Amino acid sequence: MENTLALTVAHKANRLAWAKRMVVTPKEGWERTVFSDEKKFNLDGTDGLQSFDMACGGRQERRCTGLAAGVAEYIYTVSEFLLPYAHFNYGTDFTFQQDNASIHTSRETMAFFEEQEVSVMDWPARSPNLNPIENLWSSWLVKSTRTIANTPI
């Protein structure tokens, strides 16, 4: 059984309200949205835990970031990798999606986004399954595992 936090009535109402707002978002709005997520993969035994960040919006770039990041590391990753990617593909007219992990919503992180004039999508609490990247992870993991398994050492 998967470890998940139960949704309260308020969580469900907020998710529904969010979905109703999103369903009427014009296609052009979604085309200028950069979705993000992170996933940990155990690629080469119990000692091989690696973390990959993915930003998706047109062309995508995968980058190994090492282990769990704190606020400073997250801001660094965003400033050095996400923003150049987004500015190259969308100029300054894009919306960034992130979940509500504490490093994503910290005062420091939100001040950084405000300073950089990055529009951050409102995201309902306890809603990682609303992120379209969640649908990509399993197929990416299968393909990556096959590639790694077939790569000579």
N, C-alpha and C. Protein backbone atom coordinates (compact mmCIF):
# COMPACT_ATOMS: atom_id res chain seq x y z
N MET A 1 0.84 -1.18 0.00
CA MET A 1 0.00 0.00 0.00
C MET A 1 0.89 1.25 0.00
N GLU A 2 0.51 2.23 -0.76
CA GLU A 2 1.28 3.45 -0.92
C GLU A 2 1.09 4.36 0.30
N ASN A 3 2.18 5.00 0.74
CA ASN A 3 2.10 5.95 1.84
C ASN A 3 1.61 7.28 1.31
N THR A 4 0.40 7.64 1.62
CA THR A 4 -0.14 8.94 1.23
C THR A 4 -0.90 9.53 2.40
N LEU A 5 -0.94 10.83 2.44
CA LEU A 5 -1.73 11.51 3.46
C LEU A 5 -3.17 11.58 2.99
N ALA A 6 -4.08 11.36 3.92
CA ALA A 6 -5.50 11.41 3.57
C ALA A 6 -5.89 12.83 3.18
N LEU A 7 -6.82 12.92 2.25
CA LEU A 7 -7.34 14.22 1.84
C LEU A 7 -8.54 14.57 2.72
N THR A 8 -8.53 15.77 3.26
CA THR A 8 -9.67 16.24 4.04
C THR A 8 -10.73 16.76 3.08
N VAL A 9 -11.88 17.08 3.61
CA VAL A 9 -12.94 17.67 2.79
C VAL A 9 -12.44 18.98 2.17
N ALA A 10 -11.69 19.76 2.94
CA ALA A 10 -11.15 21.03 2.42
C ALA A 10 -10.16 20.78 1.29
N HIS A 11 -9.29 19.77 1.44
CA HIS A 11 -8.34 19.44 0.37
C HIS A 11 -9.09 19.08 -0.91
N LYS A 12 -10.12 18.26 -0.77
CA LYS A 12 -10.90 17.83 -1.94
C LYS A 12 -11.58 19.02 -2.60
N ALA A 13 -12.14 19.92 -1.79
CA ALA A 13 -12.80 21.11 -2.34
C ALA A 13 -11.79 22.00 -3.07
N ASN A 14 -10.61 22.18 -2.49
CA ASN A 14 -9.57 22.99 -3.14
C ASN A 14 -9.09 22.36 -4.44
N ARG A 15 -8.94 21.04 -4.45
CA ARG A 15 -8.54 20.35 -5.68
C ARG A 15 -9.59 20.53 -6.78
N LEU A 16 -10.86 20.39 -6.41
CA LEU A 16 -11.94 20.55 -7.38
C LEU A 16 -11.98 21.97 -7.92
N ALA A 17 -11.86 22.96 -7.03
CA ALA A 17 -11.87 24.36 -7.47
C ALA A 17 -10.68 24.63 -8.40
N TRP A 18 -9.52 24.10 -8.05
CA TRP A 18 -8.33 24.26 -8.89
C TRP A 18 -8.56 23.64 -10.26
N ALA A 19 -9.10 22.42 -10.28
CA ALA A 19 -9.35 21.72 -11.55
C ALA A 19 -10.34 22.49 -12.42
N LYS A 20 -11.35 23.06 -11.81
CA LYS A 20 -12.33 23.85 -12.58
C LYS A 20 -11.68 25.08 -13.20
N ARG A 21 -10.75 25.71 -12.48
CA ARG A 21 -10.03 26.86 -13.06
C ARG A 21 -9.10 26.41 -14.19
N MET A 22 -8.45 25.28 -14.00
CA MET A 22 -7.47 24.81 -14.99
C MET A 22 -8.13 24.31 -16.27
N VAL A 23 -9.30 23.71 -16.16
CA VAL A 23 -9.95 23.13 -17.33
C VAL A 23 -10.35 24.20 -18.35
N VAL A 24 -10.51 25.44 -17.91
CA VAL A 24 -10.86 26.51 -18.83
C VAL A 24 -9.64 27.34 -19.26
N THR A 25 -8.46 26.91 -18.83
CA THR A 25 -7.24 27.59 -19.25
C THR A 25 -7.03 27.34 -20.74
N PRO A 26 -6.84 28.41 -21.52
CA PRO A 26 -6.63 28.21 -22.96
C PRO A 26 -5.36 27.38 -23.23
N LYS A 27 -5.36 26.70 -24.37
CA LYS A 27 -4.23 25.86 -24.76
C LYS A 27 -2.91 26.64 -24.71
N GLU A 28 -2.96 27.89 -25.12
CA GLU A 28 -1.75 28.71 -25.14
C GLU A 28 -1.15 28.85 -23.74
N GLY A 29 -2.00 28.89 -22.72
CA GLY A 29 -1.50 28.97 -21.35
C GLY A 29 -0.74 27.73 -20.95
N TRP A 30 -1.26 26.57 -21.33
CA TRP A 30 -0.59 25.31 -21.00
C TRP A 30 0.71 25.17 -21.78
N GLU A 31 0.75 25.68 -23.00
CA GLU A 31 1.96 25.58 -23.81
C GLU A 31 3.10 26.41 -23.25
N ARG A 32 2.78 27.34 -22.36
CA ARG A 32 3.80 28.20 -21.76
C ARG A 32 3.97 27.89 -20.28
N THR A 33 3.61 26.67 -19.91
CA THR A 33 3.76 26.22 -18.53
C THR A 33 4.92 25.24 -18.46
N VAL A 34 5.82 25.48 -17.53
CA VAL A 34 6.94 24.58 -17.30
C VAL A 34 6.61 23.78 -16.04
N PHE A 35 6.36 22.49 -16.22
CA PHE A 35 6.04 21.60 -15.10
C PHE A 35 7.33 21.05 -14.53
N SER A 36 7.34 20.80 -13.23
CA SER A 36 8.53 20.24 -12.59
C SER A 36 8.14 19.14 -11.62
N ASP A 37 9.10 18.29 -11.36
CA ASP A 37 8.90 17.22 -10.40
C ASP A 37 10.27 16.61 -10.13
N GLU A 38 10.39 15.89 -9.06
CA GLU A 38 11.62 15.15 -8.82
C GLU A 38 11.26 13.74 -8.40
N LYS A 39 12.17 12.85 -8.70
CA LYS A 39 11.96 11.44 -8.38
C LYS A 39 13.31 10.83 -8.05
N LYS A 40 13.32 9.98 -7.08
CA LYS A 40 14.55 9.27 -6.73
C LYS A 40 14.51 7.88 -7.34
N PHE A 41 15.61 7.48 -7.97
CA PHE A 41 15.72 6.17 -8.59
C PHE A 41 16.90 5.42 -7.98
N ASN A 42 16.72 4.17 -7.72
CA ASN A 42 17.81 3.31 -7.28
C ASN A 42 18.29 2.56 -8.52
N LEU A 43 19.33 3.08 -9.17
CA LEU A 43 19.74 2.58 -10.48
C LEU A 43 20.81 1.49 -10.44
N ASP A 44 21.61 1.46 -9.40
CA ASP A 44 22.66 0.44 -9.41
C ASP A 44 22.88 -0.14 -8.01
N GLY A 45 21.83 -0.72 -7.48
CA GLY A 45 21.92 -1.35 -6.17
C GLY A 45 21.55 -0.39 -5.06
N THR A 46 21.67 -0.88 -3.85
CA THR A 46 21.21 -0.10 -2.71
C THR A 46 22.02 1.16 -2.46
N ASP A 47 23.25 1.24 -2.97
CA ASP A 47 24.07 2.43 -2.75
C ASP A 47 23.95 3.43 -3.89
N GLY A 48 23.15 3.14 -4.90
CA GLY A 48 23.14 3.97 -6.10
C GLY A 48 21.99 4.95 -6.18
N LEU A 49 21.50 5.44 -5.06
CA LEU A 49 20.37 6.36 -5.10
C LEU A 49 20.80 7.68 -5.73
N GLN A 50 20.09 8.07 -6.77
CA GLN A 50 20.37 9.32 -7.45
C GLN A 50 19.06 10.07 -7.60
N SER A 51 19.13 11.39 -7.63
CA SER A 51 17.94 12.21 -7.76
C SER A 51 18.00 12.93 -9.10
N PHE A 52 16.88 12.94 -9.81
CA PHE A 52 16.81 13.61 -11.09
C PHE A 52 15.71 14.65 -11.03
N ASP A 53 16.00 15.86 -11.49
CA ASP A 53 14.98 16.88 -11.63
C ASP A 53 14.59 16.93 -13.09
N MET A 54 13.31 17.14 -13.35
CA MET A 54 12.87 17.23 -14.73
C MET A 54 11.98 18.45 -14.87
N ALA A 55 12.25 19.23 -15.88
CA ALA A 55 11.35 20.31 -16.25
C ALA A 55 10.81 19.94 -17.61
N CYS A 56 9.52 20.08 -17.78
CA CYS A 56 8.90 19.63 -19.02
C CYS A 56 8.10 20.78 -19.61
N GLY A 57 8.32 21.04 -20.85
CA GLY A 57 7.59 22.07 -21.57
C GLY A 57 8.24 22.17 -22.93
N GLY A 58 7.82 21.34 -23.85
CA GLY A 58 8.52 21.27 -25.12
C GLY A 58 9.71 20.35 -24.96
N ARG A 59 10.89 20.81 -25.37
CA ARG A 59 12.10 20.01 -25.19
C ARG A 59 12.40 19.91 -23.71
N GLN A 60 12.96 18.81 -23.30
CA GLN A 60 13.25 18.65 -21.88
C GLN A 60 14.68 18.21 -21.69
N GLU A 61 15.18 18.55 -20.54
CA GLU A 61 16.55 18.21 -20.20
C GLU A 61 16.53 17.52 -18.86
N ARG A 62 17.18 16.37 -18.76
CA ARG A 62 17.26 15.66 -17.49
C ARG A 62 18.63 15.93 -16.90
N ARG A 63 18.66 16.09 -15.60
CA ARG A 63 19.92 16.40 -14.96
C ARG A 63 20.00 15.69 -13.63
N CYS A 64 21.07 14.99 -13.40
CA CYS A 64 21.30 14.34 -12.11
C CYS A 64 21.74 15.41 -11.13
N THR A 65 21.06 15.50 -10.00
CA THR A 65 21.38 16.54 -9.03
C THR A 65 22.00 16.01 -7.76
N GLY A 66 22.25 14.72 -7.66
CA GLY A 66 22.79 14.18 -6.43
C GLY A 66 21.67 13.84 -5.46
N LEU A 67 21.90 14.01 -4.19
CA LEU A 67 20.89 13.66 -3.20
C LEU A 67 20.01 14.86 -2.87
N ALA A 68 19.17 14.68 -1.86
CA ALA A 68 18.15 15.67 -1.51
C ALA A 68 18.74 17.07 -1.36
N ALA A 69 17.98 18.05 -1.80
CA ALA A 69 18.43 19.43 -1.78
C ALA A 69 17.72 20.22 -0.70
N GLY A 70 18.41 21.24 -0.19
CA GLY A 70 17.79 22.20 0.71
C GLY A 70 17.37 23.42 -0.09
N VAL A 71 16.93 24.45 0.61
CA VAL A 71 16.44 25.66 -0.04
C VAL A 71 17.52 26.28 -0.93
N ALA A 72 18.73 26.44 -0.41
CA ALA A 72 19.80 27.07 -1.19
C ALA A 72 20.11 26.27 -2.45
N GLU A 73 20.14 24.95 -2.33
CA GLU A 73 20.42 24.10 -3.49
C GLU A 73 19.28 24.18 -4.51
N TYR A 74 18.04 24.26 -4.01
CA TYR A 74 16.90 24.36 -4.90
C TYR A 74 16.95 25.68 -5.68
N ILE A 75 17.20 26.77 -4.98
CA ILE A 75 17.28 28.07 -5.65
C ILE A 75 18.42 28.06 -6.67
N TYR A 76 19.55 27.45 -6.32
CA TYR A 76 20.67 27.34 -7.26
C TYR A 76 20.25 26.56 -8.51
N THR A 77 19.60 25.41 -8.31
CA THR A 77 19.16 24.58 -9.44
C THR A 77 18.21 25.35 -10.34
N VAL A 78 17.25 26.05 -9.73
CA VAL A 78 16.30 26.85 -10.51
C VAL A 78 17.02 27.95 -11.27
N SER A 79 17.92 28.67 -10.60
CA SER A 79 18.57 29.80 -11.25
C SER A 79 19.55 29.38 -12.35
N GLU A 80 20.22 28.25 -12.15
CA GLU A 80 21.24 27.82 -13.10
C GLU A 80 20.73 26.93 -14.22
N PHE A 81 19.59 26.26 -14.01
CA PHE A 81 19.11 25.30 -15.00
C PHE A 81 17.69 25.61 -15.48
N LEU A 82 16.75 25.80 -14.56
CA LEU A 82 15.37 26.04 -14.97
C LEU A 82 15.22 27.37 -15.69
N LEU A 83 15.69 28.45 -15.08
CA LEU A 83 15.48 29.77 -15.69
C LEU A 83 16.15 29.89 -17.06
N PRO A 84 17.39 29.46 -17.25
CA PRO A 84 17.96 29.52 -18.60
C PRO A 84 17.13 28.71 -19.61
N TYR A 85 16.68 27.52 -19.21
CA TYR A 85 15.83 26.70 -20.08
C TYR A 85 14.54 27.44 -20.42
N ALA A 86 13.87 27.96 -19.41
CA ALA A 86 12.58 28.64 -19.63
C ALA A 86 12.76 29.90 -20.45
N HIS A 87 13.78 30.69 -20.15
CA HIS A 87 13.99 31.93 -20.90
C HIS A 87 14.36 31.64 -22.35
N PHE A 88 15.14 30.61 -22.60
CA PHE A 88 15.50 30.23 -23.96
C PHE A 88 14.25 29.84 -24.75
N ASN A 89 13.35 29.08 -24.14
CA ASN A 89 12.18 28.56 -24.84
C ASN A 89 10.97 29.49 -24.82
N TYR A 90 10.82 30.33 -23.79
CA TYR A 90 9.60 31.13 -23.63
C TYR A 90 9.86 32.60 -23.38
N GLY A 91 11.08 33.03 -23.33
CA GLY A 91 11.36 34.41 -22.93
C GLY A 91 11.01 34.54 -21.45
N THR A 92 10.31 35.60 -21.11
CA THR A 92 9.90 35.78 -19.71
C THR A 92 8.42 35.47 -19.52
N ASP A 93 7.75 35.05 -20.58
CA ASP A 93 6.31 34.80 -20.54
C ASP A 93 6.03 33.30 -20.35
N PHE A 94 6.18 32.83 -19.11
CA PHE A 94 5.89 31.43 -18.81
C PHE A 94 5.42 31.35 -17.36
N THR A 95 4.79 30.23 -17.05
CA THR A 95 4.37 29.94 -15.68
C THR A 95 5.11 28.69 -15.23
N PHE A 96 5.61 28.73 -14.02
CA PHE A 96 6.34 27.60 -13.47
C PHE A 96 5.46 26.86 -12.48
N GLN A 97 5.37 25.55 -12.65
CA GLN A 97 4.61 24.70 -11.74
C GLN A 97 5.58 23.98 -10.83
N GLN A 98 5.28 24.00 -9.56
CA GLN A 98 6.03 23.21 -8.58
C GLN A 98 5.04 22.74 -7.52
N ASP A 99 5.37 21.65 -6.85
CA ASP A 99 4.48 21.18 -5.79
C ASP A 99 4.72 22.02 -4.53
N ASN A 100 4.09 21.64 -3.46
CA ASN A 100 4.16 22.42 -2.23
C ASN A 100 5.18 21.90 -1.23
N ALA A 101 6.24 21.26 -1.72
CA ALA A 101 7.31 20.84 -0.81
C ALA A 101 7.84 22.07 -0.08
N SER A 102 8.27 21.89 1.14
CA SER A 102 8.67 23.03 1.96
C SER A 102 9.80 23.85 1.33
N ILE A 103 10.75 23.20 0.64
CA ILE A 103 11.81 23.99 0.00
C ILE A 103 11.28 24.81 -1.17
N HIS A 104 10.18 24.37 -1.77
CA HIS A 104 9.59 25.10 -2.90
C HIS A 104 8.80 26.32 -2.43
N THR A 105 8.22 26.23 -1.25
CA THR A 105 7.33 27.30 -0.78
C THR A 105 7.95 28.12 0.35
N SER A 106 9.22 27.92 0.61
CA SER A 106 9.88 28.69 1.68
C SER A 106 9.88 30.18 1.34
N ARG A 107 10.02 31.00 2.37
CA ARG A 107 10.08 32.45 2.16
C ARG A 107 11.21 32.80 1.19
N GLU A 108 12.36 32.14 1.37
CA GLU A 108 13.52 32.43 0.52
C GLU A 108 13.24 32.09 -0.94
N THR A 109 12.64 30.93 -1.16
CA THR A 109 12.35 30.51 -2.53
C THR A 109 11.33 31.43 -3.18
N MET A 110 10.25 31.74 -2.46
CA MET A 110 9.22 32.60 -3.03
C MET A 110 9.75 34.02 -3.26
N ALA A 111 10.62 34.51 -2.38
CA ALA A 111 11.24 35.82 -2.60
C ALA A 111 12.12 35.79 -3.85
N PHE A 112 12.83 34.68 -4.05
CA PHE A 112 13.66 34.52 -5.25
C PHE A 112 12.79 34.59 -6.50
N PHE A 113 11.67 33.84 -6.52
CA PHE A 113 10.79 33.87 -7.69
C PHE A 113 10.24 35.27 -7.93
N GLU A 114 9.87 35.96 -6.86
CA GLU A 114 9.35 37.32 -7.01
C GLU A 114 10.43 38.24 -7.57
N GLU A 115 11.64 38.14 -7.04
CA GLU A 115 12.76 38.95 -7.52
C GLU A 115 13.05 38.69 -9.00
N GLN A 116 12.92 37.43 -9.42
CA GLN A 116 13.18 37.05 -10.81
C GLN A 116 11.96 37.25 -11.71
N GLU A 117 10.85 37.70 -11.12
CA GLU A 117 9.59 37.92 -11.84
C GLU A 117 9.09 36.65 -12.52
N VAL A 118 9.17 35.54 -11.78
CA VAL A 118 8.68 34.25 -12.27
C VAL A 118 7.28 34.04 -11.74
N SER A 119 6.35 33.79 -12.65
CA SER A 119 4.97 33.48 -12.28
C SER A 119 4.92 32.01 -11.85
N VAL A 120 4.51 31.77 -10.60
CA VAL A 120 4.44 30.41 -10.07
C VAL A 120 2.97 30.01 -9.97
N MET A 121 2.65 28.86 -10.57
CA MET A 121 1.27 28.36 -10.57
C MET A 121 0.82 28.02 -9.15
N ASP A 122 -0.39 28.43 -8.82
CA ASP A 122 -1.00 28.04 -7.56
C ASP A 122 -1.24 26.53 -7.62
N TRP A 123 -0.85 25.80 -6.58
CA TRP A 123 -0.95 24.35 -6.59
C TRP A 123 -1.66 23.89 -5.33
N PRO A 124 -2.71 23.07 -5.47
CA PRO A 124 -3.43 22.62 -4.27
C PRO A 124 -2.59 21.69 -3.40
N ALA A 125 -2.80 21.77 -2.11
CA ALA A 125 -2.06 20.94 -1.15
C ALA A 125 -2.35 19.46 -1.39
N ARG A 126 -1.35 18.64 -1.11
CA ARG A 126 -1.47 17.18 -1.19
C ARG A 126 -1.98 16.71 -2.55
N SER A 127 -1.42 17.27 -3.61
CA SER A 127 -1.92 16.96 -4.96
C SER A 127 -0.82 16.61 -5.95
N PRO A 128 0.16 15.80 -5.57
CA PRO A 128 1.20 15.47 -6.54
C PRO A 128 0.66 14.71 -7.75
N ASN A 129 -0.44 13.98 -7.56
CA ASN A 129 -0.98 13.19 -8.67
C ASN A 129 -1.64 14.06 -9.74
N LEU A 130 -1.79 15.35 -9.52
CA LEU A 130 -2.33 16.24 -10.56
C LEU A 130 -1.25 16.66 -11.55
N ASN A 131 0.00 16.42 -11.22
CA ASN A 131 1.11 16.83 -12.06
C ASN A 131 1.24 15.87 -13.25
N PRO A 132 1.18 16.38 -14.49
CA PRO A 132 1.28 15.49 -15.65
C PRO A 132 2.61 14.75 -15.74
N ILE A 133 3.66 15.26 -15.12
CA ILE A 133 4.94 14.55 -15.16
C ILE A 133 4.84 13.22 -14.44
N GLU A 134 3.95 13.11 -13.46
CA GLU A 134 3.77 11.84 -12.76
C GLU A 134 3.47 10.71 -13.76
N ASN A 135 2.80 11.05 -14.87
CA ASN A 135 2.48 10.06 -15.89
C ASN A 135 3.70 9.64 -16.71
N LEU A 136 4.74 10.44 -16.68
CA LEU A 136 5.94 10.14 -17.46
C LEU A 136 6.95 9.28 -16.72
N TRP A 137 6.92 9.33 -15.39
CA TRP A 137 7.98 8.67 -14.62
C TRP A 137 8.09 7.17 -14.89
N SER A 138 6.98 6.46 -14.90
CA SER A 138 7.09 5.00 -15.05
C SER A 138 7.68 4.61 -16.40
N SER A 139 7.25 5.27 -17.47
CA SER A 139 7.81 4.91 -18.78
C SER A 139 9.27 5.34 -18.87
N TRP A 140 9.61 6.48 -18.30
CA TRP A 140 11.00 6.93 -18.31
C TRP A 140 11.87 5.97 -17.51
N LEU A 141 11.37 5.51 -16.37
CA LEU A 141 12.13 4.58 -15.54
C LEU A 141 12.39 3.27 -16.28
N VAL A 142 11.37 2.75 -16.96
CA VAL A 142 11.54 1.50 -17.72
C VAL A 142 12.61 1.68 -18.79
N LYS A 143 12.52 2.76 -19.55
CA LYS A 143 13.51 3.00 -20.61
C LYS A 143 14.90 3.23 -20.04
N SER A 144 15.00 3.99 -18.96
CA SER A 144 16.30 4.27 -18.35
C SER A 144 16.92 3.01 -17.79
N THR A 145 16.11 2.20 -17.14
CA THR A 145 16.61 0.96 -16.55
C THR A 145 17.13 0.04 -17.64
N ARG A 146 16.41 -0.06 -18.76
CA ARG A 146 16.88 -0.89 -19.88
C ARG A 146 18.21 -0.37 -20.42
N THR A 147 18.31 0.94 -20.57
CA THR A 147 19.54 1.54 -21.09
C THR A 147 20.70 1.28 -20.15
N ILE A 148 20.49 1.49 -18.87
CA ILE A 148 21.57 1.28 -17.89
C ILE A 148 21.95 -0.19 -17.83
N ALA A 149 20.95 -1.07 -17.85
CA ALA A 149 21.22 -2.51 -17.78
C ALA A 149 22.01 -2.99 -18.99
N ASN A 150 21.84 -2.33 -20.13
CA ASN A 150 22.52 -2.75 -21.36
C ASN A 150 23.80 -1.97 -21.63
N THR A 151 24.19 -1.09 -20.71
CA THR A 151 25.40 -0.30 -20.90
C THR A 151 26.58 -1.02 -20.26
N PRO A 152 27.62 -1.33 -21.05
CA PRO A 152 28.79 -2.01 -20.46
C PRO A 152 29.50 -1.09 -19.48
N ILE A 153 30.04 -1.69 -18.46
CA ILE A 153 30.75 -0.91 -17.43
C ILE A 153 32.21 -0.80 -17.79
